[in-house]
N, C-alpha and C. Protein backbone atom coordinates (compact mmCIF):
# COMPACT_ATOMS: atom_id res chain seq x y z
N MET A 1 -12.37 8.84 7.76
CA MET A 1 -12.76 8.39 6.45
C MET A 1 -11.78 7.34 5.96
N LEU A 2 -12.31 6.36 5.28
CA LEU A 2 -11.45 5.34 4.69
C LEU A 2 -11.08 5.73 3.27
N TRP A 3 -9.81 5.47 2.93
CA TRP A 3 -9.28 5.75 1.60
C TRP A 3 -8.51 4.53 1.13
N ALA A 4 -8.78 4.09 -0.10
CA ALA A 4 -8.04 3.00 -0.72
C ALA A 4 -6.95 3.63 -1.59
N VAL A 5 -5.72 3.25 -1.33
CA VAL A 5 -4.58 3.74 -2.11
C VAL A 5 -4.02 2.54 -2.86
N TYR A 6 -4.22 2.52 -4.16
CA TYR A 6 -3.86 1.40 -5.02
C TYR A 6 -2.65 1.81 -5.86
N CYS A 7 -1.55 1.09 -5.70
CA CYS A 7 -0.31 1.46 -6.35
C CYS A 7 0.17 0.32 -7.24
N VAL A 8 0.51 0.64 -8.47
CA VAL A 8 1.02 -0.34 -9.43
C VAL A 8 2.50 -0.04 -9.67
N ASP A 9 3.33 -1.09 -9.56
CA ASP A 9 4.77 -0.92 -9.76
C ASP A 9 5.12 -0.70 -11.23
N LYS A 10 6.20 0.03 -11.45
CA LYS A 10 6.80 0.13 -12.77
C LYS A 10 7.44 -1.23 -13.08
N PRO A 11 7.57 -1.57 -14.35
CA PRO A 11 8.28 -2.80 -14.71
C PRO A 11 9.73 -2.76 -14.22
N ASN A 12 10.24 -3.92 -13.89
CA ASN A 12 11.66 -4.08 -13.53
C ASN A 12 12.09 -3.29 -12.31
N THR A 13 11.21 -3.22 -11.30
CA THR A 13 11.56 -2.51 -10.07
C THR A 13 11.65 -3.45 -8.86
N ALA A 14 11.68 -4.75 -9.11
CA ALA A 14 11.72 -5.73 -8.01
C ALA A 14 12.96 -5.53 -7.14
N ALA A 15 14.10 -5.30 -7.74
CA ALA A 15 15.34 -5.12 -6.96
C ALA A 15 15.25 -3.87 -6.09
N LYS A 16 14.70 -2.79 -6.63
CA LYS A 16 14.54 -1.55 -5.86
C LYS A 16 13.57 -1.77 -4.71
N ARG A 17 12.49 -2.49 -4.96
CA ARG A 17 11.50 -2.81 -3.93
C ARG A 17 12.17 -3.59 -2.80
N GLU A 18 12.95 -4.60 -3.16
CA GLU A 18 13.64 -5.43 -2.16
C GLU A 18 14.64 -4.59 -1.36
N GLU A 19 15.35 -3.72 -2.03
CA GLU A 19 16.34 -2.85 -1.39
C GLU A 19 15.68 -1.94 -0.34
N LEU A 20 14.46 -1.50 -0.60
CA LEU A 20 13.75 -0.55 0.27
C LEU A 20 12.82 -1.21 1.29
N LEU A 21 12.75 -2.53 1.30
CA LEU A 21 11.75 -3.22 2.11
C LEU A 21 11.83 -2.88 3.60
N ALA A 22 13.03 -2.84 4.15
CA ALA A 22 13.16 -2.53 5.58
C ALA A 22 12.69 -1.11 5.89
N ILE A 23 13.05 -0.16 5.03
CA ILE A 23 12.64 1.24 5.23
C ILE A 23 11.12 1.36 5.07
N HIS A 24 10.58 0.65 4.10
CA HIS A 24 9.12 0.61 3.88
C HIS A 24 8.41 0.12 5.13
N ARG A 25 8.92 -0.95 5.72
CA ARG A 25 8.28 -1.51 6.92
C ARG A 25 8.34 -0.54 8.10
N VAL A 26 9.45 0.16 8.25
CA VAL A 26 9.55 1.17 9.31
C VAL A 26 8.50 2.26 9.09
N TYR A 27 8.35 2.70 7.85
CA TYR A 27 7.36 3.73 7.52
C TYR A 27 5.96 3.26 7.89
N LEU A 28 5.64 2.02 7.55
CA LEU A 28 4.31 1.50 7.87
C LEU A 28 4.11 1.39 9.38
N THR A 29 5.14 1.01 10.11
CA THR A 29 5.03 0.94 11.57
C THR A 29 4.77 2.33 12.14
N GLN A 30 5.42 3.33 11.60
CA GLN A 30 5.22 4.70 12.07
C GLN A 30 3.82 5.21 11.75
N ALA A 31 3.22 4.69 10.69
CA ALA A 31 1.87 5.11 10.27
C ALA A 31 0.79 4.16 10.77
N GLU A 32 1.16 3.26 11.67
CA GLU A 32 0.23 2.22 12.13
C GLU A 32 -1.11 2.76 12.61
N GLY A 33 -1.15 3.96 13.17
CA GLY A 33 -2.39 4.52 13.69
C GLY A 33 -3.42 4.86 12.61
N SER A 34 -3.00 4.92 11.36
CA SER A 34 -3.94 5.25 10.30
C SER A 34 -4.12 4.12 9.28
N ILE A 35 -3.30 3.09 9.34
CA ILE A 35 -3.42 1.98 8.38
C ILE A 35 -4.41 0.95 8.90
N VAL A 36 -5.47 0.74 8.13
CA VAL A 36 -6.47 -0.27 8.47
C VAL A 36 -6.02 -1.63 7.93
N PHE A 37 -5.48 -1.61 6.71
CA PHE A 37 -5.02 -2.82 6.04
C PHE A 37 -4.00 -2.43 5.00
N SER A 38 -2.99 -3.26 4.84
CA SER A 38 -2.03 -3.01 3.76
C SER A 38 -1.38 -4.32 3.34
N GLY A 39 -0.88 -4.32 2.13
CA GLY A 39 -0.17 -5.49 1.66
C GLY A 39 0.26 -5.34 0.23
N PRO A 40 1.23 -6.18 -0.17
CA PRO A 40 1.69 -6.13 -1.55
C PRO A 40 0.70 -6.80 -2.48
N LEU A 41 0.59 -6.26 -3.68
CA LEU A 41 -0.18 -6.91 -4.74
C LEU A 41 0.80 -7.85 -5.45
N GLN A 42 0.34 -9.05 -5.78
CA GLN A 42 1.23 -10.04 -6.38
C GLN A 42 0.68 -10.57 -7.69
N ASN A 43 1.57 -11.14 -8.49
CA ASN A 43 1.11 -11.80 -9.71
C ASN A 43 0.39 -13.10 -9.31
N ASP A 44 -0.20 -13.78 -10.27
CA ASP A 44 -1.08 -14.92 -9.98
C ASP A 44 -0.40 -16.05 -9.22
N ASP A 45 0.88 -16.30 -9.46
CA ASP A 45 1.53 -17.40 -8.75
C ASP A 45 2.34 -16.90 -7.54
N ALA A 46 2.16 -15.65 -7.18
CA ALA A 46 2.81 -15.03 -6.01
C ALA A 46 4.33 -15.04 -6.10
N SER A 47 4.87 -15.10 -7.31
CA SER A 47 6.32 -15.10 -7.47
C SER A 47 6.91 -13.70 -7.53
N ALA A 48 6.04 -12.69 -7.67
CA ALA A 48 6.54 -11.31 -7.74
C ALA A 48 5.49 -10.33 -7.26
N SER A 49 5.96 -9.27 -6.63
CA SER A 49 5.07 -8.18 -6.25
C SER A 49 4.87 -7.28 -7.47
N VAL A 50 3.65 -6.80 -7.62
CA VAL A 50 3.32 -5.94 -8.76
C VAL A 50 2.76 -4.59 -8.31
N GLY A 51 2.69 -4.38 -7.01
CA GLY A 51 2.17 -3.13 -6.49
C GLY A 51 1.89 -3.24 -5.01
N SER A 52 1.13 -2.29 -4.50
CA SER A 52 0.77 -2.25 -3.09
C SER A 52 -0.65 -1.72 -2.94
N LEU A 53 -1.31 -2.18 -1.89
CA LEU A 53 -2.64 -1.67 -1.55
C LEU A 53 -2.62 -1.24 -0.09
N PHE A 54 -3.12 -0.04 0.14
CA PHE A 54 -3.22 0.50 1.50
C PHE A 54 -4.66 0.96 1.70
N ILE A 55 -5.25 0.57 2.80
CA ILE A 55 -6.53 1.14 3.24
C ILE A 55 -6.18 1.97 4.47
N VAL A 56 -6.37 3.28 4.35
CA VAL A 56 -6.00 4.17 5.45
C VAL A 56 -7.23 4.91 5.96
N ASN A 57 -7.21 5.19 7.24
CA ASN A 57 -8.28 5.93 7.89
C ASN A 57 -7.71 7.29 8.25
N VAL A 58 -7.99 8.27 7.39
CA VAL A 58 -7.48 9.63 7.58
C VAL A 58 -8.61 10.63 7.32
N LYS A 59 -8.36 11.89 7.63
CA LYS A 59 -9.42 12.89 7.57
C LYS A 59 -9.86 13.28 6.16
N GLY A 60 -8.98 13.10 5.18
CA GLY A 60 -9.36 13.50 3.83
C GLY A 60 -8.33 13.08 2.80
N ARG A 61 -8.65 13.41 1.53
CA ARG A 61 -7.77 13.04 0.41
C ARG A 61 -6.35 13.58 0.61
N ALA A 62 -6.23 14.79 1.11
CA ALA A 62 -4.90 15.38 1.28
C ALA A 62 -4.03 14.53 2.20
N GLU A 63 -4.62 13.99 3.26
CA GLU A 63 -3.86 13.13 4.17
C GLU A 63 -3.54 11.79 3.53
N ALA A 64 -4.45 11.25 2.73
CA ALA A 64 -4.17 10.01 2.00
C ALA A 64 -3.03 10.25 1.01
N GLN A 65 -3.06 11.39 0.34
CA GLN A 65 -2.00 11.73 -0.61
C GLN A 65 -0.67 11.91 0.13
N ALA A 66 -0.70 12.56 1.27
CA ALA A 66 0.52 12.77 2.06
C ALA A 66 1.10 11.42 2.51
N PHE A 67 0.22 10.48 2.87
CA PHE A 67 0.68 9.15 3.26
C PHE A 67 1.46 8.51 2.12
N VAL A 68 0.88 8.49 0.92
CA VAL A 68 1.56 7.83 -0.21
C VAL A 68 2.75 8.65 -0.70
N ASP A 69 2.70 9.97 -0.55
CA ASP A 69 3.85 10.79 -0.94
C ASP A 69 5.07 10.45 -0.09
N GLY A 70 4.85 10.10 1.17
CA GLY A 70 5.96 9.76 2.06
C GLY A 70 6.38 8.31 2.00
N GLU A 71 5.63 7.49 1.30
CA GLU A 71 5.90 6.04 1.22
C GLU A 71 7.23 5.82 0.48
N PRO A 72 8.17 5.09 1.09
CA PRO A 72 9.49 4.92 0.50
C PRO A 72 9.51 4.35 -0.92
N PHE A 73 8.64 3.39 -1.23
CA PHE A 73 8.60 2.87 -2.59
C PHE A 73 8.23 3.98 -3.57
N ASN A 74 7.27 4.80 -3.20
CA ASN A 74 6.84 5.89 -4.06
C ASN A 74 7.95 6.93 -4.21
N LYS A 75 8.57 7.30 -3.10
CA LYS A 75 9.63 8.30 -3.14
C LYS A 75 10.80 7.84 -4.02
N ALA A 76 11.03 6.54 -4.10
CA ALA A 76 12.14 6.00 -4.90
C ALA A 76 11.73 5.71 -6.34
N GLY A 77 10.48 5.99 -6.70
CA GLY A 77 10.04 5.81 -8.07
C GLY A 77 9.62 4.40 -8.44
N VAL A 78 9.29 3.57 -7.46
CA VAL A 78 8.85 2.20 -7.75
C VAL A 78 7.46 2.20 -8.38
N PHE A 79 6.59 3.08 -7.92
CA PHE A 79 5.21 3.06 -8.40
C PHE A 79 5.06 3.77 -9.74
N GLU A 80 4.38 3.13 -10.65
CA GLU A 80 4.08 3.71 -11.95
C GLU A 80 2.76 4.49 -11.92
N LYS A 81 1.81 3.96 -11.16
CA LYS A 81 0.48 4.56 -11.11
C LYS A 81 -0.07 4.44 -9.69
N ILE A 82 -0.70 5.51 -9.24
CA ILE A 82 -1.33 5.53 -7.92
C ILE A 82 -2.75 6.04 -8.08
N THR A 83 -3.68 5.29 -7.52
CA THR A 83 -5.08 5.69 -7.53
C THR A 83 -5.55 5.79 -6.08
N ILE A 84 -6.19 6.90 -5.75
CA ILE A 84 -6.73 7.10 -4.41
C ILE A 84 -8.23 7.29 -4.53
N ASN A 85 -8.97 6.45 -3.81
CA ASN A 85 -10.43 6.57 -3.80
C ASN A 85 -10.94 6.51 -2.37
N ARG A 86 -11.88 7.39 -2.09
CA ARG A 86 -12.58 7.30 -0.81
C ARG A 86 -13.44 6.05 -0.84
N MET A 87 -13.56 5.40 0.29
CA MET A 87 -14.41 4.20 0.34
C MET A 87 -15.22 4.19 1.62
N ARG A 88 -16.26 3.42 1.57
CA ARG A 88 -17.15 3.25 2.71
C ARG A 88 -17.01 1.80 3.16
N LYS A 89 -16.99 1.58 4.45
CA LYS A 89 -16.89 0.22 4.96
C LYS A 89 -18.14 -0.55 4.56
N GLY A 90 -17.92 -1.67 3.95
CA GLY A 90 -19.00 -2.58 3.59
C GLY A 90 -18.91 -3.79 4.50
N ARG A 91 -18.62 -4.90 3.92
CA ARG A 91 -18.47 -6.13 4.70
C ARG A 91 -17.00 -6.39 4.98
N PHE A 92 -16.75 -6.97 6.14
CA PHE A 92 -15.40 -7.38 6.51
C PHE A 92 -15.50 -8.70 7.24
N ASN A 93 -14.85 -9.69 6.70
CA ASN A 93 -14.87 -11.04 7.26
C ASN A 93 -13.46 -11.51 7.53
N PRO A 94 -12.86 -11.11 8.65
CA PRO A 94 -11.48 -11.50 8.90
C PRO A 94 -11.29 -13.01 8.98
N GLY A 95 -12.33 -13.74 9.30
CA GLY A 95 -12.23 -15.20 9.36
C GLY A 95 -12.01 -15.85 8.00
N LEU A 96 -12.30 -15.12 6.93
CA LEU A 96 -12.12 -15.66 5.58
C LEU A 96 -10.73 -15.38 5.01
N VAL A 97 -9.94 -14.58 5.74
CA VAL A 97 -8.61 -14.22 5.26
C VAL A 97 -7.65 -15.36 5.56
N ASP A 98 -7.02 -15.87 4.52
CA ASP A 98 -6.05 -16.95 4.66
C ASP A 98 -4.67 -16.33 4.71
N LEU A 99 -4.16 -16.12 5.91
CA LEU A 99 -2.87 -15.47 6.06
C LEU A 99 -1.78 -16.53 6.26
N PRO A 100 -0.65 -16.32 5.57
CA PRO A 100 0.46 -17.27 5.74
C PRO A 100 1.09 -17.16 7.10
């Protein structure tokens, strides 16, 4: 099952996010088998991260919750709000993704 995990950062947590970035990346590498897509949410001019989005393929809500519970940014209190929703695959057009 696909689950969208939408996380919004608390104000003034950019330094904490930067401090934890390497640990965060290790965590994501370890969870690679269940992450379909992930990335930071940014403000309009991409000058700051404002949260994170994870699309995970796990058996249920409990596993999606366990994923975000173990996420280093979450464990350190970076996230102000977390929303988890089950989702169904609709359209996916990787050719339209403009990756840096």
